[in-house]
Amino acid sequence: MSFAVARYRATKTVTASPARVLVQLYDGALKYLQGGLQGIADRDPKAKGVALGKAHRIVSELQASLDERHAPELCEQLYGLYDFCLLRITEANARWDAQAAQEAAKVLQTLRDAWAQVADATG
């Protein structure tokens, strides 16, 4: 990747709204889940483990960043959804379970789409 492209991406993230940053995080998690699914399909333990590990870290950070002071009910619901995703990603990695990864991806895609609507509405 060229320096200019890397610089553009970094600036894009720094200047993004909080909702847009969430969308970018979901996009990253979904990309790594797809990589994990490809690793499962290819029976490639390294590719599977690295990709699913990165997806797990992103979802863990999303969960850790919840701040119940602002929207306690929403945070409680998101915490449960993230817990579900983390469990399914762990199972996908440990058991070579493509369905578990797909279930996590489905939840994350739904959340991503909702936050994308928020980001679009708020500019």
PDB file of N, CA and C in Angstrom:
ATOM      1  N   MET A   1       0.859  -1.165   0.000  1.00  0.00           N
ATOM      2  CA  MET A   1       0.000   0.000   0.000  1.00  0.00           C
ATOM      3  C   MET A   1       0.908   1.232   0.000  1.00  0.00           C
ATOM      4  N   SER A   2       0.550   2.185  -0.807  1.00  0.00           N
ATOM      5  CA  SER A   2       1.360   3.394  -0.894  1.00  0.00           C
ATOM      6  C   SER A   2       1.170   4.265   0.347  1.00  0.00           C
ATOM      7  N   PHE A   3       2.131   5.129   0.571  1.00  0.00           N
ATOM      8  CA  PHE A   3       2.061   6.040   1.711  1.00  0.00           C
ATOM      9  C   PHE A   3       0.823   6.925   1.619  1.00  0.00           C
ATOM     10  N   ALA A   4       0.512   7.415   0.414  1.00  0.00           N
ATOM     11  CA  ALA A   4      -0.645   8.304   0.239  1.00  0.00           C
ATOM     12  C   ALA A   4      -1.947   7.595   0.585  1.00  0.00           C
ATOM     13  N   VAL A   5      -2.083   6.350   0.165  1.00  0.00           N
ATOM     14  CA  VAL A   5      -3.297   5.591   0.461  1.00  0.00           C
ATOM     15  C   VAL A   5      -3.407   5.351   1.963  1.00  0.00           C
ATOM     16  N   ALA A   6      -2.305   4.983   2.591  1.00  0.00           N
ATOM     17  CA  ALA A   6      -2.313   4.752   4.042  1.00  0.00           C
ATOM     18  C   ALA A   6      -2.668   6.029   4.786  1.00  0.00           C
ATOM     19  N   ARG A   7      -2.134   7.140   4.347  1.00  0.00           N
ATOM     20  CA  ARG A   7      -2.421   8.432   4.971  1.00  0.00           C
ATOM     21  C   ARG A   7      -3.891   8.809   4.819  1.00  0.00           C
ATOM     22  N   TYR A   8      -4.446   8.570   3.622  1.00  0.00           N
ATOM     23  CA  TYR A   8      -5.856   8.858   3.368  1.00  0.00           C
ATOM     24  C   TYR A   8      -6.743   8.034   4.293  1.00  0.00           C
ATOM     25  N   ARG A   9      -6.452   6.756   4.402  1.00  0.00           N
ATOM     26  CA  ARG A   9      -7.259   5.886   5.270  1.00  0.00           C
ATOM     27  C   ARG A   9      -7.191   6.328   6.717  1.00  0.00           C
ATOM     28  N   ALA A  10      -6.014   6.696   7.173  1.00  0.00           N
ATOM     29  CA  ALA A  10      -5.865   7.148   8.559  1.00  0.00           C
ATOM     30  C   ALA A  10      -6.645   8.436   8.791  1.00  0.00           C
ATOM     31  N   THR A  11      -6.578   9.373   7.870  1.00  0.00           N
ATOM     32  CA  THR A  11      -7.307  10.643   7.987  1.00  0.00           C
ATOM     33  C   THR A  11      -8.804  10.401   7.948  1.00  0.00           C
ATOM     34  N   LYS A  12      -9.232   9.497   7.094  1.00  0.00           N
ATOM     35  CA  LYS A  12     -10.654   9.169   6.967  1.00  0.00           C
ATOM     36  C   LYS A  12     -11.207   8.660   8.295  1.00  0.00           C
ATOM     37  N   THR A  13     -10.451   7.845   9.000  1.00  0.00           N
ATOM     38  CA  THR A  13     -10.897   7.305  10.280  1.00  0.00           C
ATOM     39  C   THR A  13     -10.880   8.376  11.364  1.00  0.00           C
ATOM     40  N   VAL A  14      -9.843   9.192  11.406  1.00  0.00           N
ATOM     41  CA  VAL A  14      -9.716  10.225  12.443  1.00  0.00           C
ATOM     42  C   VAL A  14     -10.822  11.263  12.322  1.00  0.00           C
ATOM     43  N   THR A  15     -11.226  11.592  11.116  1.00  0.00           N
ATOM     44  CA  THR A  15     -12.236  12.630  10.909  1.00  0.00           C
ATOM     45  C   THR A  15     -13.660  12.080  10.830  1.00  0.00           C
ATOM     46  N   ALA A  16     -13.826  10.787  10.960  1.00  0.00           N
ATOM     47  CA  ALA A  16     -15.149  10.174  10.842  1.00  0.00           C
ATOM     48  C   ALA A  16     -15.973  10.411  12.104  1.00  0.00           C
ATOM     49  N   SER A  17     -17.292  10.435  11.920  1.00  0.00           N
ATOM     50  CA  SER A  17     -18.203  10.537  13.062  1.00  0.00           C
ATOM     51  C   SER A  17     -18.128   9.232  13.863  1.00  0.00           C
ATOM     52  N   PRO A  18     -18.546   9.257  15.130  1.00  0.00           N
ATOM     53  CA  PRO A  18     -18.544   8.015  15.915  1.00  0.00           C
ATOM     54  C   PRO A  18     -19.341   6.889  15.243  1.00  0.00           C
ATOM     55  N   ALA A  19     -20.478   7.222  14.646  1.00  0.00           N
ATOM     56  CA  ALA A  19     -21.279   6.192  13.970  1.00  0.00           C
ATOM     57  C   ALA A  19     -20.515   5.619  12.779  1.00  0.00           C
ATOM     58  N   ARG A  20     -19.804   6.468  12.048  1.00  0.00           N
ATOM     59  CA  ARG A  20     -19.040   6.003  10.888  1.00  0.00           C
ATOM     60  C   ARG A  20     -17.871   5.128  11.333  1.00  0.00           C
ATOM     61  N   VAL A  21     -17.257   5.461  12.463  1.00  0.00           N
ATOM     62  CA  VAL A  21     -16.175   4.623  12.994  1.00  0.00           C
ATOM     63  C   VAL A  21     -16.721   3.246  13.352  1.00  0.00           C
ATOM     64  N   LEU A  22     -17.900   3.204  13.968  1.00  0.00           N
ATOM     65  CA  LEU A  22     -18.519   1.910  14.269  1.00  0.00           C
ATOM     66  C   LEU A  22     -18.733   1.096  13.005  1.00  0.00           C
ATOM     67  N   VAL A  23     -19.212   1.739  11.957  1.00  0.00           N
ATOM     68  CA  VAL A  23     -19.426   1.045  10.679  1.00  0.00           C
ATOM     69  C   VAL A  23     -18.094   0.474  10.178  1.00  0.00           C
ATOM     70  N   GLN A  24     -17.035   1.248  10.289  1.00  0.00           N
ATOM     71  CA  GLN A  24     -15.719   0.774   9.850  1.00  0.00           C
ATOM     72  C   GLN A  24     -15.256  -0.428  10.683  1.00  0.00           C
ATOM     73  N   LEU A  25     -15.531  -0.394  11.976  1.00  0.00           N
ATOM     74  CA  LEU A  25     -15.171  -1.533  12.828  1.00  0.00           C
ATOM     75  C   LEU A  25     -15.969  -2.776  12.448  1.00  0.00           C
ATOM     76  N   TYR A  26     -17.263  -2.597  12.236  1.00  0.00           N
ATOM     77  CA  TYR A  26     -18.076  -3.737  11.791  1.00  0.00           C
ATOM     78  C   TYR A  26     -17.574  -4.261  10.452  1.00  0.00           C
ATOM     79  N   ASP A  27     -17.222  -3.362   9.538  1.00  0.00           N
ATOM     80  CA  ASP A  27     -16.696  -3.790   8.238  1.00  0.00           C
ATOM     81  C   ASP A  27     -15.434  -4.632   8.417  1.00  0.00           C
ATOM     82  N   GLY A  28     -14.569  -4.193   9.327  1.00  0.00           N
ATOM     83  CA  GLY A  28     -13.357  -4.961   9.595  1.00  0.00           C
ATOM     84  C   GLY A  28     -13.662  -6.333  10.160  1.00  0.00           C
ATOM     85  N   ALA A  29     -14.553  -6.391  11.138  1.00  0.00           N
ATOM     86  CA  ALA A  29     -14.918  -7.680  11.734  1.00  0.00           C
ATOM     87  C   ALA A  29     -15.518  -8.606  10.690  1.00  0.00           C
ATOM     88  N   LEU A  30     -16.384  -8.064   9.841  1.00  0.00           N
ATOM     89  CA  LEU A  30     -17.010  -8.875   8.795  1.00  0.00           C
ATOM     90  C   LEU A  30     -15.981  -9.366   7.779  1.00  0.00           C
ATOM     91  N   LYS A  31     -15.019  -8.508   7.449  1.00  0.00           N
ATOM     92  CA  LYS A  31     -13.959  -8.907   6.513  1.00  0.00           C
ATOM     93  C   LYS A  31     -13.158 -10.069   7.104  1.00  0.00           C
ATOM     94  N   TYR A  32     -12.828  -9.970   8.385  1.00  0.00           N
ATOM     95  CA  TYR A  32     -12.049 -11.039   9.010  1.00  0.00           C
ATOM     96  C   TYR A  32     -12.876 -12.311   9.195  1.00  0.00           C
ATOM     97  N   LEU A  33     -14.165 -12.170   9.441  1.00  0.00           N
ATOM     98  CA  LEU A  33     -15.010 -13.369   9.503  1.00  0.00           C
ATOM     99  C   LEU A  33     -15.025 -14.075   8.151  1.00  0.00           C
ATOM    100  N   GLN A  34     -15.089 -13.307   7.078  1.00  0.00           N
ATOM    101  CA  GLN A  34     -15.041 -13.913   5.738  1.00  0.00           C
ATOM    102  C   GLN A  34     -13.696 -14.619   5.522  1.00  0.00           C
ATOM    103  N   GLY A  35     -12.620 -13.989   5.987  1.00  0.00           N
ATOM    104  CA  GLY A  35     -11.311 -14.633   5.903  1.00  0.00           C
ATOM    105  C   GLY A  35     -11.263 -15.921   6.711  1.00  0.00           C
ATOM    106  N   GLY A  36     -11.894 -15.904   7.875  1.00  0.00           N
ATOM    107  CA  GLY A  36     -11.974 -17.113   8.691  1.00  0.00           C
ATOM    108  C   GLY A  36     -12.775 -18.204   8.005  1.00  0.00           C
ATOM    109  N   LEU A  37     -13.874 -17.815   7.381  1.00  0.00           N
ATOM    110  CA  LEU A  37     -14.670 -18.789   6.628  1.00  0.00           C
ATOM    111  C   LEU A  37     -13.871 -19.381   5.474  1.00  0.00           C
ATOM    112  N   GLN A  38     -13.069 -18.541   4.822  1.00  0.00           N
ATOM    113  CA  GLN A  38     -12.231 -19.038   3.734  1.00  0.00           C
ATOM    114  C   GLN A  38     -11.175 -20.002   4.276  1.00  0.00           C
ATOM    115  N   GLY A  39     -10.603 -19.662   5.433  1.00  0.00           N
ATOM    116  CA  GLY A  39      -9.643 -20.559   6.066  1.00  0.00           C
ATOM    117  C   GLY A  39     -10.263 -21.893   6.445  1.00  0.00           C
ATOM    118  N   ILE A  40     -11.506 -21.856   6.918  1.00  0.00           N
ATOM    119  CA  ILE A  40     -12.222 -23.099   7.228  1.00  0.00           C
ATOM    120  C   ILE A  40     -12.425 -23.906   5.952  1.00  0.00           C
ATOM    121  N   ALA A  41     -12.893 -23.252   4.899  1.00  0.00           N
ATOM    122  CA  ALA A  41     -13.149 -23.942   3.629  1.00  0.00           C
ATOM    123  C   ALA A  41     -11.870 -24.540   3.049  1.00  0.00           C
ATOM    124  N   ASP A  42     -10.764 -23.812   3.205  1.00  0.00           N
ATOM    125  CA  ASP A  42      -9.478 -24.264   2.654  1.00  0.00           C
ATOM    126  C   ASP A  42      -8.748 -25.224   3.589  1.00  0.00           C
ATOM    127  N   ARG A  43      -9.317 -25.450   4.777  1.00  0.00           N
ATOM    128  CA  ARG A  43      -8.672 -26.277   5.804  1.00  0.00           C
ATOM    129  C   ARG A  43      -7.278 -25.741   6.136  1.00  0.00           C
ATOM    130  N   ASP A  44      -7.198 -24.407   6.243  1.00  0.00           N
ATOM    131  CA  ASP A  44      -5.945 -23.713   6.521  1.00  0.00           C
ATOM    132  C   ASP A  44      -5.999 -23.191   7.954  1.00  0.00           C
ATOM    133  N   PRO A  45      -5.373 -23.895   8.891  1.00  0.00           N
ATOM    134  CA  PRO A  45      -5.495 -23.506  10.298  1.00  0.00           C
ATOM    135  C   PRO A  45      -4.920 -22.119  10.596  1.00  0.00           C
ATOM    136  N   LYS A  46      -3.837 -21.751   9.930  1.00  0.00           N
ATOM    137  CA  LYS A  46      -3.249 -20.445  10.201  1.00  0.00           C
ATOM    138  C   LYS A  46      -4.167 -19.325   9.717  1.00  0.00           C
ATOM    139  N   ALA A  47      -4.654 -19.422   8.493  1.00  0.00           N
ATOM    140  CA  ALA A  47      -5.530 -18.385   7.946  1.00  0.00           C
ATOM    141  C   ALA A  47      -6.804 -18.265   8.780  1.00  0.00           C
ATOM    142  N   LYS A  48      -7.361 -19.416   9.150  1.00  0.00           N
ATOM    143  CA  LYS A  48      -8.580 -19.432   9.974  1.00  0.00           C
ATOM    144  C   LYS A  48      -8.324 -18.765  11.308  1.00  0.00           C
ATOM    145  N   GLY A  49      -7.267 -19.180  11.971  1.00  0.00           N
ATOM    146  CA  GLY A  49      -6.979 -18.680  13.312  1.00  0.00           C
ATOM    147  C   GLY A  49      -6.653 -17.194  13.340  1.00  0.00           C
ATOM    148  N   VAL A  50      -5.860 -16.746  12.386  1.00  0.00           N
ATOM    149  CA  VAL A  50      -5.495 -15.333  12.348  1.00  0.00           C
ATOM    150  C   VAL A  50      -6.723 -14.476  12.070  1.00  0.00           C
ATOM    151  N   ALA A  51      -7.493 -14.850  11.067  1.00  0.00           N
ATOM    152  CA  ALA A  51      -8.658 -14.039  10.694  1.00  0.00           C
ATOM    153  C   ALA A  51      -9.710 -14.027  11.798  1.00  0.00           C
ATOM    154  N   LEU A  52     -10.037 -15.191  12.332  1.00  0.00           N
ATOM    155  CA  LEU A  52     -11.049 -15.235  13.385  1.00  0.00           C
ATOM    156  C   LEU A  52     -10.550 -14.558  14.662  1.00  0.00           C
ATOM    157  N   GLY A  53      -9.260 -14.631  14.925  1.00  0.00           N
ATOM    158  CA  GLY A  53      -8.694 -13.927  16.068  1.00  0.00           C
ATOM    159  C   GLY A  53      -8.855 -12.414  15.935  1.00  0.00           C
ATOM    160  N   LYS A  54      -8.644 -11.904  14.727  1.00  0.00           N
ATOM    161  CA  LYS A  54      -8.805 -10.461  14.503  1.00  0.00           C
ATOM    162  C   LYS A  54     -10.276 -10.056  14.621  1.00  0.00           C
ATOM    163  N   ALA A  55     -11.175 -10.871  14.092  1.00  0.00           N
ATOM    164  CA  ALA A  55     -12.606 -10.583  14.233  1.00  0.00           C
ATOM    165  C   ALA A  55     -12.986 -10.572  15.711  1.00  0.00           C
ATOM    166  N   HIS A  56     -12.486 -11.538  16.462  1.00  0.00           N
ATOM    167  CA  HIS A  56     -12.768 -11.628  17.896  1.00  0.00           C
ATOM    168  C   HIS A  56     -12.272 -10.385  18.624  1.00  0.00           C
ATOM    169  N   ARG A  57     -11.075  -9.911  18.288  1.00  0.00           N
ATOM    170  CA  ARG A  57     -10.529  -8.723  18.946  1.00  0.00           C
ATOM    171  C   ARG A  57     -11.373  -7.485  18.664  1.00  0.00           C
ATOM    172  N   ILE A  58     -11.845  -7.349  17.439  1.00  0.00           N
ATOM    173  CA  ILE A  58     -12.679  -6.188  17.105  1.00  0.00           C
ATOM    174  C   ILE A  58     -13.979  -6.221  17.908  1.00  0.00           C
ATOM    175  N   VAL A  59     -14.626  -7.368  17.931  1.00  0.00           N
ATOM    176  CA  VAL A  59     -15.893  -7.475  18.674  1.00  0.00           C
ATOM    177  C   VAL A  59     -15.637  -7.272  20.169  1.00  0.00           C
ATOM    178  N   SER A  60     -14.532  -7.774  20.686  1.00  0.00           N
ATOM    179  CA  SER A  60     -14.190  -7.554  22.101  1.00  0.00           C
ATOM    180  C   SER A  60     -14.032  -6.070  22.400  1.00  0.00           C
ATOM    181  N   GLU A  61     -13.396  -5.349  21.491  1.00  0.00           N
ATOM    182  CA  GLU A  61     -13.233  -3.903  21.683  1.00  0.00           C
ATOM    183  C   GLU A  61     -14.577  -3.180  21.599  1.00  0.00           C
ATOM    184  N   LEU A  62     -15.430  -3.607  20.689  1.00  0.00           N
ATOM    185  CA  LEU A  62     -16.763  -3.011  20.611  1.00  0.00           C
ATOM    186  C   LEU A  62     -17.504  -3.210  21.929  1.00  0.00           C
ATOM    187  N   GLN A  63     -17.407  -4.408  22.475  1.00  0.00           N
ATOM    188  CA  GLN A  63     -18.081  -4.712  23.731  1.00  0.00           C
ATOM    189  C   GLN A  63     -17.479  -3.899  24.876  1.00  0.00           C
ATOM    190  N   ALA A  64     -16.166  -3.808  24.930  1.00  0.00           N
ATOM    191  CA  ALA A  64     -15.494  -3.087  26.015  1.00  0.00           C
ATOM    192  C   ALA A  64     -15.763  -1.589  25.960  1.00  0.00           C
ATOM    193  N   SER A  65     -16.089  -1.075  24.788  1.00  0.00           N
ATOM    194  CA  SER A  65     -16.296   0.370  24.648  1.00  0.00           C
ATOM    195  C   SER A  65     -17.721   0.812  24.979  1.00  0.00           C
ATOM    196  N   LEU A  66     -18.590  -0.117  25.309  1.00  0.00           N
ATOM    197  CA  LEU A  66     -19.959   0.256  25.656  1.00  0.00           C
ATOM    198  C   LEU A  66     -19.954   1.102  26.926  1.00  0.00           C
ATOM    199  N   ASP A  67     -20.719   2.182  26.888  1.00  0.00           N
ATOM    200  CA  ASP A  67     -20.787   3.100  28.028  1.00  0.00           C
ATOM    201  C   ASP A  67     -22.244   3.194  28.477  1.00  0.00           C
ATOM    202  N   GLU A  68     -22.560   2.488  29.538  1.00  0.00           N
ATOM    203  CA  GLU A  68     -23.943   2.387  30.003  1.00  0.00           C
ATOM    204  C   GLU A  68     -24.517   3.702  30.520  1.00  0.00           C
ATOM    205  N   ARG A  69     -23.685   4.694  30.736  1.00  0.00           N
ATOM    206  CA  ARG A  69     -24.199   5.982  31.230  1.00  0.00           C
ATOM    207  C   ARG A  69     -25.075   6.681  30.200  1.00  0.00           C
ATOM    208  N   HIS A  70     -24.864   6.398  28.934  1.00  0.00           N
ATOM    209  CA  HIS A  70     -25.589   7.113  27.883  1.00  0.00           C
ATOM    210  C   HIS A  70     -26.871   6.411  27.444  1.00  0.00           C
ATOM    211  N   ALA A  71     -26.844   5.120  27.353  1.00  0.00           N
ATOM    212  CA  ALA A  71     -28.025   4.370  26.912  1.00  0.00           C
ATOM    213  C   ALA A  71     -27.965   2.972  27.530  1.00  0.00           C
ATOM    214  N   PRO A  72     -28.336   2.857  28.797  1.00  0.00           N
ATOM    215  CA  PRO A  72     -28.153   1.582  29.495  1.00  0.00           C
ATOM    216  C   PRO A  72     -28.871   0.403  28.855  1.00  0.00           C
ATOM    217  N   GLU A  73     -30.095   0.603  28.383  1.00  0.00           N
ATOM    218  CA  GLU A  73     -30.831  -0.517  27.784  1.00  0.00           C
ATOM    219  C   GLU A  73     -30.192  -0.958  26.477  1.00  0.00           C
ATOM    220  N   LEU A  74     -29.799   0.000  25.657  1.00  0.00           N
ATOM    221  CA  LEU A  74     -29.134  -0.326  24.393  1.00  0.00           C
ATOM    222  C   LEU A  74     -27.815  -1.038  24.665  1.00  0.00           C
ATOM    223  N   CYS A  75     -27.054  -0.543  25.628  1.00  0.00           N
ATOM    224  CA  CYS A  75     -25.779  -1.165  25.954  1.00  0.00           C
ATOM    225  C   CYS A  75     -25.961  -2.606  26.429  1.00  0.00           C
ATOM    226  N   GLU A  76     -26.989  -2.826  27.221  1.00  0.00           N
ATOM    227  CA  GLU A  76     -27.272  -4.182  27.704  1.00  0.00           C
ATOM    228  C   GLU A  76     -27.586  -5.118  26.539  1.00  0.00           C
ATOM    229  N   GLN A  77     -28.383  -4.635  25.598  1.00  0.00           N
ATOM    230  CA  GLN A  77     -28.718  -5.452  24.425  1.00  0.00           C
ATOM    231  C   GLN A  77     -27.488  -5.703  23.556  1.00  0.00           C
ATOM    232  N   LEU A  78     -26.704  -4.651  23.318  1.00  0.00           N
ATOM    233  CA  LEU A  78     -25.495  -4.814  22.508  1.00  0.00           C
ATOM    234  C   LEU A  78     -24.499  -5.748  23.192  1.00  0.00           C
ATOM    235  N   TYR A  79     -24.378  -5.640  24.515  1.00  0.00           N
ATOM    236  CA  TYR A  79     -23.475  -6.513  25.250  1.00  0.00           C
ATOM    237  C   TYR A  79     -23.842  -7.982  25.001  1.00  0.00           C
ATOM    238  N   GLY A  80     -25.130  -8.280  25.075  1.00  0.00           N
ATOM    239  CA  GLY A  80     -25.580  -9.649  24.835  1.00  0.00           C
ATOM    240  C   GLY A  80     -25.309 -10.106  23.407  1.00  0.00           C
ATOM    241  N   LEU A  81     -25.532  -9.221  22.441  1.00  0.00           N
ATOM    242  CA  LEU A  81     -25.258  -9.569  21.042  1.00  0.00           C
ATOM    243  C   LEU A  81     -23.766  -9.793  20.816  1.00  0.00           C
ATOM    244  N   TYR A  82     -22.945  -8.931  21.401  1.00  0.00           N
ATOM    245  CA  TYR A  82     -21.496  -9.105  21.260  1.00  0.00           C
ATOM    246  C   TYR A  82     -21.048 -10.393  21.946  1.00  0.00           C
ATOM    247  N   ASP A  83     -21.630 -10.710  23.109  1.00  0.00           N
ATOM    248  CA  ASP A  83     -21.310 -11.964  23.798  1.00  0.00           C
ATOM    249  C   ASP A  83     -21.612 -13.157  22.893  1.00  0.00           C
ATOM    250  N   PHE A  84     -22.783 -13.120  22.263  1.00  0.00           N
ATOM    251  CA  PHE A  84     -23.171 -14.185  21.343  1.00  0.00           C
ATOM    252  C   PHE A  84     -22.147 -14.306  20.217  1.00  0.00           C
ATOM    253  N   CYS A  85     -21.779 -13.164  19.624  1.00  0.00           N
ATOM    254  CA  CYS A  85     -20.820 -13.181  18.511  1.00  0.00           C
ATOM    255  C   CYS A  85     -19.467 -13.723  18.963  1.00  0.00           C
ATOM    256  N   LEU A  86     -19.009 -13.291  20.126  1.00  0.00           N
ATOM    257  CA  LEU A  86     -17.720 -13.772  20.626  1.00  0.00           C
ATOM    258  C   LEU A  86     -17.738 -15.281  20.849  1.00  0.00           C
ATOM    259  N   LEU A  87     -18.823 -15.787  21.390  1.00  0.00           N
ATOM    260  CA  LEU A  87     -18.954 -17.228  21.597  1.00  0.00           C
ATOM    261  C   LEU A  87     -18.938 -17.967  20.265  1.00  0.00           C
ATOM    262  N   ARG A  88     -19.688 -17.457  19.299  1.00  0.00           N
ATOM    263  CA  ARG A  88     -19.767 -18.125  17.996  1.00  0.00           C
ATOM    264  C   ARG A  88     -18.425 -18.056  17.248  1.00  0.00           C
ATOM    265  N   ILE A  89     -17.714 -16.943  17.364  1.00  0.00           N
ATOM    266  CA  ILE A  89     -16.402 -16.836  16.715  1.00  0.00           C
ATOM    267  C   ILE A  89     -15.428 -17.828  17.363  1.00  0.00           C
ATOM    268  N   THR A  90     -15.482 -17.931  18.693  1.00  0.00           N
ATOM    269  CA  THR A  90     -14.621 -18.881  19.397  1.00  0.00           C
ATOM    270  C   THR A  90     -14.934 -20.309  18.964  1.00  0.00           C
ATOM    271  N   GLU A  91     -16.220 -20.628  18.860  1.00  0.00           N
ATOM    272  CA  GLU A  91     -16.612 -21.974  18.431  1.00  0.00           C
ATOM    273  C   GLU A  91     -16.201 -22.228  16.984  1.00  0.00           C
ATOM    274  N   ALA A  92     -16.340 -21.231  16.135  1.00  0.00           N
ATOM    275  CA  ALA A  92     -15.932 -21.387  14.738  1.00  0.00           C
ATOM    276  C   ALA A  92     -14.447 -21.715  14.666  1.00  0.00           C
ATOM    277  N   ASN A  93     -13.658 -21.038  15.481  1.00  0.00           N
ATOM    278  CA  ASN A  93     -12.215 -21.245  15.469  1.00  0.00           C
ATOM    279  C   ASN A  93     -11.840 -22.607  16.050  1.00  0.00           C
ATOM    280  N   ALA A  94     -12.426 -22.937  17.177  1.00  0.00           N
ATOM    281  CA  ALA A  94     -12.063 -24.183  17.868  1.00  0.00           C
ATOM    282  C   ALA A  94     -12.584 -25.430  17.160  1.00  0.00           C
ATOM    283  N   ARG A  95     -13.756 -25.312  16.552  1.00  0.00           N
ATOM    284  CA  ARG A  95     -14.423 -26.499  15.987  1.00  0.00           C
ATOM    285  C   ARG A  95     -14.485 -26.516  14.459  1.00  0.00           C
ATOM    286  N   TRP A  96     -13.811 -25.524  13.833  1.00  0.00           N
ATOM    287  CA  TRP A  96     -13.871 -25.420  12.360  1.00  0.00           C
ATOM    288  C   TRP A  96     -15.332 -25.327  11.914  1.00  0.00           C
ATOM    289  N   ASP A  97     -16.104 -24.544  12.608  1.00  0.00           N
ATOM    290  CA  ASP A  97     -17.550 -24.479  12.424  1.00  0.00           C
ATOM    291  C   ASP A  97     -17.934 -23.247  11.598  1.00  0.00           C
ATOM    292  N   ALA A  98     -18.126 -23.456  10.306  1.00  0.00           N
ATOM    293  CA  ALA A  98     -18.479 -22.355   9.408  1.00  0.00           C
ATOM    294  C   ALA A  98     -19.830 -21.749   9.785  1.00  0.00           C
ATOM    295  N   GLN A  99     -20.768 -22.575  10.205  1.00  0.00           N
ATOM    296  CA  GLN A  99     -22.090 -22.060  10.566  1.00  0.00           C
ATOM    297  C   GLN A  99     -21.995 -21.083  11.736  1.00  0.00           C
ATOM    298  N   ALA A 100     -21.138 -21.374  12.699  1.00  0.00           N
ATOM    299  CA  ALA A 100     -20.974 -20.473  13.844  1.00  0.00           C
ATOM    300  C   ALA A 100     -20.447 -19.117  13.374  1.00  0.00           C
ATOM    301  N   ALA A 101     -19.481 -19.120  12.481  1.00  0.00           N
ATOM    302  CA  ALA A 101     -18.942 -17.861  11.947  1.00  0.00           C
ATOM    303  C   ALA A 101     -20.010 -17.116  11.155  1.00  0.00           C
ATOM    304  N   GLN A 102     -20.808 -17.841  10.413  1.00  0.00           N
ATOM    305  CA  GLN A 102     -21.876 -17.208   9.634  1.00  0.00           C
ATOM    306  C   GLN A 102     -22.935 -16.589  10.542  1.00  0.00           C
ATOM    307  N   GLU A 103     -23.229 -17.235  11.661  1.00  0.00           N
ATOM    308  CA  GLU A 103     -24.205 -16.686  12.604  1.00  0.00           C
ATOM    309  C   GLU A 103     -23.685 -15.382  13.212  1.00  0.00           C
ATOM    310  N   ALA A 104     -22.415 -15.351  13.566  1.00  0.00           N
ATOM    311  CA  ALA A 104     -21.820 -14.114  14.088  1.00  0.00           C
ATOM    312  C   ALA A 104     -21.852 -13.029  13.018  1.00  0.00           C
ATOM    313  N   ALA A 105     -21.527 -13.399  11.788  1.00  0.00           N
ATOM    314  CA  ALA A 105     -21.520 -12.429  10.689  1.00  0.00           C
ATOM    315  C   ALA A 105     -22.914 -11.861  10.447  1.00  0.00           C
ATOM    316  N   LYS A 106     -23.922 -12.678  10.575  1.00  0.00           N
ATOM    317  CA  LYS A 106     -25.297 -12.214  10.357  1.00  0.00           C
ATOM    318  C   LYS A 106     -25.674 -11.144  11.385  1.00  0.00           C
ATOM    319  N   VAL A 107     -25.337 -11.380  12.641  1.00  0.00           N
ATOM    320  CA  VAL A 107     -25.631 -10.405  13.700  1.00  0.00           C
ATOM    321  C   VAL A 107     -24.853  -9.120  13.447  1.00  0.00           C
ATOM    322  N   LEU A 108     -23.561  -9.252  13.157  1.00  0.00           N
ATOM    323  CA  LEU A 108     -22.728  -8.073  12.941  1.00  0.00           C
ATOM    324  C   LEU A 108     -23.159  -7.293  11.704  1.00  0.00           C
ATOM    325  N   GLN A 109     -23.594  -7.995  10.667  1.00  0.00           N
ATOM    326  CA  GLN A 109     -24.067  -7.316   9.457  1.00  0.00           C
ATOM    327  C   GLN A 109     -25.327  -6.499   9.754  1.00  0.00           C
ATOM    328  N   THR A 110     -26.216  -7.051  10.555  1.00  0.00           N
ATOM    329  CA  THR A 110     -27.431  -6.334  10.935  1.00  0.00           C
ATOM    330  C   THR A 110     -27.085  -5.067  11.732  1.00  0.00           C
ATOM    331  N   LEU A 111     -26.165  -5.207  12.692  1.00  0.00           N
ATOM    332  CA  LEU A 111     -25.738  -4.046  13.471  1.00  0.00           C
ATOM    333  C   LEU A 111     -25.027  -3.025  12.588  1.00  0.00           C
ATOM    334  N   ARG A 112     -24.191  -3.495  11.689  1.00  0.00           N
ATOM    335  CA  ARG A 112     -23.476  -2.607  10.773  1.00  0.00           C
ATOM    336  C   ARG A 112     -24.455  -1.800   9.930  1.00  0.00           C
ATOM    337  N   ASP A 113     -25.456  -2.467   9.399  1.00  0.00           N
ATOM    338  CA  ASP A 113     -26.439  -1.784   8.550  1.00  0.00           C
ATOM    339  C   ASP A 113     -27.208  -0.730   9.335  1.00  0.00           C
ATOM    340  N   ALA A 114     -27.546  -1.041  10.585  1.00  0.00           N
ATOM    341  CA  ALA A 114     -28.263  -0.074  11.422  1.00  0.00           C
ATOM    342  C   ALA A 114     -27.393   1.151  11.689  1.00  0.00           C
ATOM    343  N   TRP A 115     -26.132   0.935  12.036  1.00  0.00           N
ATOM    344  CA  TRP A 115     -25.241   2.062  12.299  1.00  0.00           C
ATOM    345  C   TRP A 115     -24.932   2.850  11.028  1.00  0.00           C
ATOM    346  N   ALA A 116     -24.917   2.178   9.895  1.00  0.00           N
ATOM    347  CA  ALA A 116     -24.705   2.890   8.627  1.00  0.00           C
ATOM    348  C   ALA A 116     -25.863   3.856   8.357  1.00  0.00           C
ATOM    349  N   GLN A 117     -27.075   3.430   8.704  1.00  0.00           N
ATOM    350  CA  GLN A 117     -28.228   4.320   8.559  1.00  0.00           C
ATOM    351  C   GLN A 117     -28.102   5.529   9.473  1.00  0.00           C
ATOM    352  N   VAL A 118     -27.648   5.298  10.695  1.00  0.00           N
ATOM    353  CA  VAL A 118     -27.438   6.398  11.642  1.00  0.00           C
ATOM    354  C   VAL A 118     -26.363   7.345  11.093  1.00  0.00           C
ATOM    355  N   ALA A 119     -25.267   6.776  10.620  1.00  0.00           N
ATOM    356  CA  ALA A 119     -24.170   7.596  10.096  1.00  0.00           C
ATOM    357  C   ALA A 119     -24.621   8.412   8.881  1.00  0.00           C
ATOM    358  N   ASP A 120     -25.414   7.825   8.016  1.00  0.00           N
ATOM    359  CA  ASP A 120     -25.906   8.532   6.839  1.00  0.00           C
ATOM    360  C   ASP A 120     -26.867   9.654   7.236  1.00  0.00           C
ATOM    361  N   ALA A 121     -27.668   9.390   8.251  1.00  0.00           N
ATOM    362  CA  ALA A 121     -28.673  10.382   8.672  1.00  0.00           C
ATOM    363  C   ALA A 121     -28.038  11.562   9.391  1.00  0.00           C
ATOM    364  N   THR A 122     -26.930  11.301  10.080  1.00  0.00           N
ATOM    365  CA  THR A 122     -26.298  12.366  10.864  1.00  0.00           C
ATOM    366  C   THR A 122     -25.158  13.063  10.121  1.00  0.00           C
ATOM    367  N   GLY A 123     -24.849  12.542   8.956  1.00  0.00           N
ATOM    368  CA  GLY A 123     -23.817  13.192   8.125  1.00  0.00           C
ATOM    369  C   GLY A 123     -22.497  12.746   8.498  1.00  0.00           C
TER     370      GLY A 123
END
